[in-house]
Amino acid sequence: MDGPLKEKFPNIFGIDSHKDCYVREKWVGPPESGSWAVIDQTLPVSSECCSELDELAVVLHRVGVRQGSDGWSWFGSSAAPFSCNIFAWRSEMDRIPTASALARRNIHVGDQVCALCNFDVESSLHLFSGCGFSYGVWYSLGKWCGLDSVIAFDNRDLLELYKQWTGSKEGRKLIQGIFIIGFWVLWGARNDKIFNGKDPKVFEIDLNVKSLSFLWYKHRGRSKNIVWKDWVVSPLYMM
């Protein structure tokens, strides 16, 4: 994230009574099993502050904590829009309104079968990691990115496929961003099927991911000179 957190989350910063602190002072418990204590839970908070807390939770989820000097390790990717990063994180945490998630909250949704494959109950795990249709998308994107294989038992595995790339750090970040965008586009295709009756096609989703990642990386990334005709063959052609 660019810039200090106090500028990104001014409402949280405004009510924090301990503004000059170290990272370790906001972490409660051992490095491997503790949790963040951002503000005093007894303080009254506004709706704006609650919204910022939700967004900050996404950011902090991507921070690694270890013993030693204060430092940050980000698990999201600047090669994907922030909204896509948030959605991928929520998908991993099973915090998106899939059919099974809504049913758990006693919200009637009718048929709970996955809209993409029509085979199993739609959960976040199934939709992205167990659905045959989704696997076709991941396989296509993996081949495009030059990955040796696309094997994922859960959503976290999908978000860490970029680690197969043995090239530059920038290339790993780019591949991670492409798969994060894949989560977003697949969810959109699922919604199109449910609400508009549009049958999804792997090649269309694949092309949408390529288009969105190209536009984001070209205009928000460091490579202003990338061209579509080369990108569509391999997003790593300049690395």
Protein backbone atom coordinates (compact mmCIF):
# COMPACT_ATOMS: atom_id res chain seq x y z
CA MET A 1 0.00 0.00 0.00
CA ASP A 2 1.31 3.43 -0.94
CA GLY A 3 1.48 6.06 1.81
CA PRO A 4 1.08 5.80 5.60
CA LEU A 5 -1.86 3.93 7.09
CA LYS A 6 -3.02 7.04 8.97
CA GLU A 7 -3.83 8.67 5.61
CA LYS A 8 -5.58 5.59 4.24
CA PHE A 9 -7.62 5.05 7.42
CA PRO A 10 -8.09 8.51 9.02
CA ASN A 11 -11.14 7.56 11.12
CA ILE A 12 -9.34 4.68 12.82
CA PHE A 13 -6.28 6.85 13.36
CA GLY A 14 -8.44 9.57 14.84
CA ILE A 15 -9.80 7.41 17.68
CA ASP A 16 -6.59 5.49 18.41
CA SER A 17 -5.19 6.53 21.76
CA HIS A 18 -1.71 5.16 21.00
CA LYS A 19 -0.70 6.71 17.69
CA ASP A 20 3.09 6.42 18.08
CA CYS A 21 3.65 2.70 18.37
CA TYR A 22 5.60 -0.22 16.95
CA VAL A 23 4.13 -3.06 14.92
CA ARG A 24 4.69 -5.46 17.84
CA GLU A 25 2.46 -3.32 20.06
CA LYS A 26 -0.55 -3.97 17.79
CA TRP A 27 -0.03 -7.75 17.77
CA VAL A 28 -1.36 -9.88 20.63
CA GLY A 29 0.00 -13.38 21.17
CA PRO A 30 2.80 -15.43 19.59
CA PRO A 31 3.82 -14.75 15.96
CA GLU A 32 2.30 -17.95 14.60
CA SER A 33 -1.08 -17.81 16.34
CA GLY A 34 -1.73 -14.28 17.56
CA SER A 35 -4.04 -11.58 16.20
CA TRP A 36 -4.15 -7.87 15.50
CA ALA A 37 -5.49 -5.50 18.16
CA VAL A 38 -5.91 -2.36 16.10
CA ILE A 39 -8.07 -0.30 18.49
CA ASP A 40 -9.63 -0.58 21.92
CA GLN A 41 -12.74 -2.74 21.35
CA THR A 42 -14.66 -0.79 24.02
CA LEU A 43 -14.49 2.45 22.05
CA PRO A 44 -17.64 3.63 20.21
CA VAL A 45 -17.04 3.65 16.45
CA SER A 46 -18.84 5.30 13.55
CA SER A 47 -20.08 3.56 10.43
CA GLU A 48 -17.14 5.11 8.53
CA CYS A 49 -14.75 3.64 11.07
CA CYS A 50 -16.37 0.21 10.77
CA SER A 51 -15.93 0.36 7.01
CA GLU A 52 -12.27 1.27 7.43
CA LEU A 53 -11.79 -1.58 9.91
CA ASP A 54 -13.14 -4.06 7.34
CA GLU A 55 -10.76 -2.71 4.71
CA LEU A 56 -7.83 -2.66 7.14
CA ALA A 57 -8.54 -6.29 8.04
CA VAL A 58 -7.95 -7.18 4.40
CA VAL A 59 -4.64 -5.32 4.40
CA LEU A 60 -3.43 -6.84 7.67
CA HIS A 61 -4.36 -10.34 6.53
CA ARG A 62 -1.56 -10.01 3.99
CA VAL A 63 1.03 -9.05 6.62
CA GLY A 64 3.42 -11.68 7.93
CA VAL A 65 4.50 -11.42 11.58
CA ARG A 66 7.70 -12.96 12.86
CA GLN A 67 10.13 -12.54 15.74
CA GLY A 68 12.81 -9.92 15.18
CA SER A 69 12.82 -6.35 13.95
CA ASP A 70 9.58 -4.80 12.75
CA GLY A 71 8.93 -5.51 9.08
CA TRP A 72 6.14 -6.13 6.64
CA SER A 73 5.53 -8.99 4.20
CA TRP A 74 2.65 -8.36 1.78
CA PHE A 75 0.68 -11.27 0.32
CA GLY A 76 -1.54 -9.24 -2.00
CA SER A 77 -0.44 -8.01 -5.42
CA SER A 78 -0.15 -4.51 -6.80
CA ALA A 79 -0.60 -6.13 -10.24
CA ALA A 80 -4.33 -6.44 -9.46
CA PRO A 81 -6.91 -3.78 -8.51
CA PHE A 82 -7.50 -3.39 -4.78
CA SER A 83 -11.12 -4.53 -5.15
CA CYS A 84 -9.89 -7.78 -6.70
CA ASN A 85 -7.43 -8.29 -3.85
CA ILE A 86 -10.24 -7.81 -1.34
CA PHE A 87 -12.49 -10.25 -3.16
CA ALA A 88 -9.80 -12.94 -3.42
CA TRP A 89 -9.12 -12.61 0.31
CA ARG A 90 -12.82 -12.87 1.12
CA SER A 91 -13.09 -15.92 -1.13
CA GLU A 92 -10.26 -17.62 0.70
CA MET A 93 -11.92 -16.84 4.03
CA ASP A 94 -15.33 -18.08 2.76
CA ARG A 95 -16.82 -14.63 3.22
CA ILE A 96 -18.61 -14.23 -0.10
CA PRO A 97 -22.37 -14.80 -0.66
CA THR A 98 -22.25 -18.25 -2.24
CA ALA A 99 -25.36 -20.43 -2.11
CA SER A 100 -24.08 -22.47 0.83
CA ALA A 101 -22.99 -19.34 2.75
CA LEU A 102 -26.43 -17.77 2.33
CA ALA A 103 -28.14 -21.01 3.38
CA ARG A 104 -26.08 -21.04 6.58
CA ARG A 105 -27.59 -17.65 7.36
CA ASN A 106 -31.10 -18.99 6.77
CA ILE A 107 -31.46 -17.02 3.54
CA HIS A 108 -33.53 -18.99 1.05
CA VAL A 109 -31.73 -19.28 -2.27
CA GLY A 110 -33.52 -22.23 -3.83
CA ASP A 111 -31.18 -24.55 -5.71
CA GLN A 112 -27.71 -24.53 -4.14
CA VAL A 113 -25.99 -26.29 -7.04
CA CYS A 114 -22.99 -24.53 -8.58
CA ALA A 115 -24.12 -22.33 -11.47
CA LEU A 116 -20.90 -22.92 -13.40
CA CYS A 117 -20.77 -26.72 -13.45
CA ASN A 118 -24.24 -27.78 -12.20
CA PHE A 119 -22.62 -30.59 -10.27
CA ASP A 120 -22.06 -29.82 -6.58
CA VAL A 121 -23.23 -27.46 -3.84
CA GLU A 122 -21.85 -23.99 -4.42
CA SER A 123 -19.39 -23.02 -1.71
CA SER A 124 -16.39 -20.75 -2.03
CA LEU A 125 -14.11 -23.78 -1.91
CA HIS A 126 -16.05 -25.61 -4.62
CA LEU A 127 -16.62 -22.58 -6.86
CA PHE A 128 -12.95 -21.75 -7.23
CA SER A 129 -11.06 -24.94 -6.34
CA GLY A 130 -13.42 -27.85 -6.97
CA CYS A 131 -15.51 -26.76 -9.94
CA GLY A 132 -14.61 -28.41 -13.24
CA PHE A 133 -15.50 -25.30 -15.20
CA SER A 134 -13.30 -23.11 -13.00
CA TYR A 135 -10.45 -25.57 -13.38
CA GLY A 136 -10.63 -25.04 -17.14
CA VAL A 137 -10.09 -21.31 -16.53
CA TRP A 138 -7.20 -21.86 -14.11
CA TYR A 139 -5.57 -24.36 -16.46
CA SER A 140 -5.78 -21.91 -19.35
CA LEU A 141 -4.35 -19.04 -17.27
CA GLY A 142 -1.61 -21.25 -15.88
CA LYS A 143 -0.57 -22.33 -19.37
CA TRP A 144 -0.60 -18.68 -20.49
CA CYS A 145 1.66 -17.76 -17.55
CA GLY A 146 4.06 -20.61 -18.30
CA LEU A 147 3.35 -22.60 -15.13
CA ASP A 148 4.26 -26.28 -15.15
CA SER A 149 1.02 -27.38 -13.51
CA VAL A 150 -2.15 -26.06 -11.92
CA ILE A 151 -2.95 -28.23 -8.90
CA ALA A 152 -4.98 -26.65 -6.12
CA PHE A 153 -6.79 -28.26 -3.20
CA ASP A 154 -8.12 -24.98 -1.86
CA ASN A 155 -8.26 -21.28 -2.70
CA ARG A 156 -4.99 -20.55 -0.92
CA ASP A 157 -3.23 -22.98 -3.28
CA LEU A 158 -4.57 -21.03 -6.25
CA LEU A 159 -3.35 -17.75 -4.79
CA GLU A 160 0.12 -19.23 -4.32
CA LEU A 161 0.57 -20.79 -7.76
CA TYR A 162 2.78 -17.83 -8.64
CA LYS A 163 5.51 -19.39 -6.48
CA GLN A 164 6.16 -21.88 -9.28
CA TRP A 165 7.67 -19.07 -11.31
CA THR A 166 11.46 -19.18 -10.92
CA GLY A 167 12.12 -15.92 -12.75
CA SER A 168 12.05 -12.35 -11.50
CA LYS A 169 10.19 -11.07 -8.46
CA GLU A 170 8.20 -8.78 -10.74
CA GLY A 171 7.09 -11.79 -12.76
CA ARG A 172 5.89 -13.59 -9.63
CA LYS A 173 3.92 -10.50 -8.58
CA LEU A 174 2.36 -10.30 -12.04
CA ILE A 175 1.27 -13.95 -12.06
CA GLN A 176 -0.20 -13.57 -8.58
CA GLY A 177 -2.16 -10.53 -9.76
CA ILE A 178 -3.49 -12.41 -12.80
CA PHE A 179 -4.87 -15.22 -10.64
CA ILE A 180 -6.37 -12.72 -8.18
CA ILE A 181 -8.15 -11.07 -11.11
CA GLY A 182 -9.27 -14.55 -12.16
CA PHE A 183 -11.25 -14.86 -8.91
CA TRP A 184 -13.02 -11.58 -9.65
CA VAL A 185 -13.87 -12.45 -13.26
CA LEU A 186 -15.10 -15.96 -12.38
CA TRP A 187 -17.42 -14.48 -9.77
CA GLY A 188 -18.76 -12.08 -12.37
CA ALA A 189 -19.42 -14.97 -14.75
CA ARG A 190 -21.22 -16.82 -11.98
CA ASN A 191 -23.43 -13.79 -11.35
CA ASP A 192 -24.14 -13.40 -15.06
CA LYS A 193 -25.35 -17.00 -15.16
CA ILE A 194 -27.58 -16.68 -12.08
CA PHE A 195 -29.06 -13.22 -12.67
CA ASN A 196 -28.94 -12.86 -16.46
CA GLY A 197 -29.07 -16.45 -17.64
CA LYS A 198 -25.83 -16.07 -19.62
CA ASP A 199 -23.98 -19.35 -20.08
CA PRO A 200 -20.30 -18.95 -19.20
CA LYS A 201 -17.53 -19.92 -21.61
CA VAL A 202 -13.96 -20.63 -20.56
CA PHE A 203 -12.41 -18.75 -23.48
CA GLU A 204 -14.48 -15.63 -22.71
CA ILE A 205 -13.46 -15.60 -19.06
CA ASP A 206 -9.86 -16.26 -20.05
CA LEU A 207 -9.96 -13.28 -22.43
CA ASN A 208 -11.59 -11.04 -19.80
CA VAL A 209 -8.82 -11.86 -17.31
CA LYS A 210 -6.18 -11.12 -19.93
CA SER A 211 -7.85 -7.82 -20.86
CA LEU A 212 -8.34 -6.58 -17.30
CA SER A 213 -4.85 -7.57 -16.18
CA PHE A 214 -3.35 -5.93 -19.29
CA LEU A 215 -5.16 -2.64 -18.71
CA TRP A 216 -4.31 -2.56 -15.01
CA TYR A 217 -0.65 -3.48 -15.45
CA LYS A 218 -0.13 -1.08 -18.36
CA HIS A 219 -1.74 1.96 -16.77
CA ARG A 220 -1.02 1.33 -13.07
CA GLY A 221 2.11 -0.78 -13.25
CA ARG A 222 5.68 -0.06 -14.20
CA SER A 223 5.50 -1.29 -17.81
CA LYS A 224 3.88 1.45 -19.89
CA ASN A 225 5.27 0.03 -23.11
CA ILE A 226 3.66 -3.40 -23.11
CA VAL A 227 1.62 -4.17 -26.21
CA TRP A 228 -1.50 -6.33 -26.45
CA LYS A 229 -0.39 -8.58 -29.31
CA ASP A 230 2.63 -9.77 -27.28
CA TRP A 231 0.82 -9.76 -23.92
CA VAL A 232 -1.91 -12.08 -25.17
CA VAL A 233 0.78 -14.63 -26.09
CA SER A 234 2.61 -14.37 -22.77
CA PRO A 235 2.29 -11.77 -20.00
CA LEU A 236 5.93 -12.39 -19.10
CA TYR A 237 7.36 -11.67 -22.53
CA MET A 238 9.42 -8.71 -21.28
CA MET A 239 10.85 -10.54 -18.23
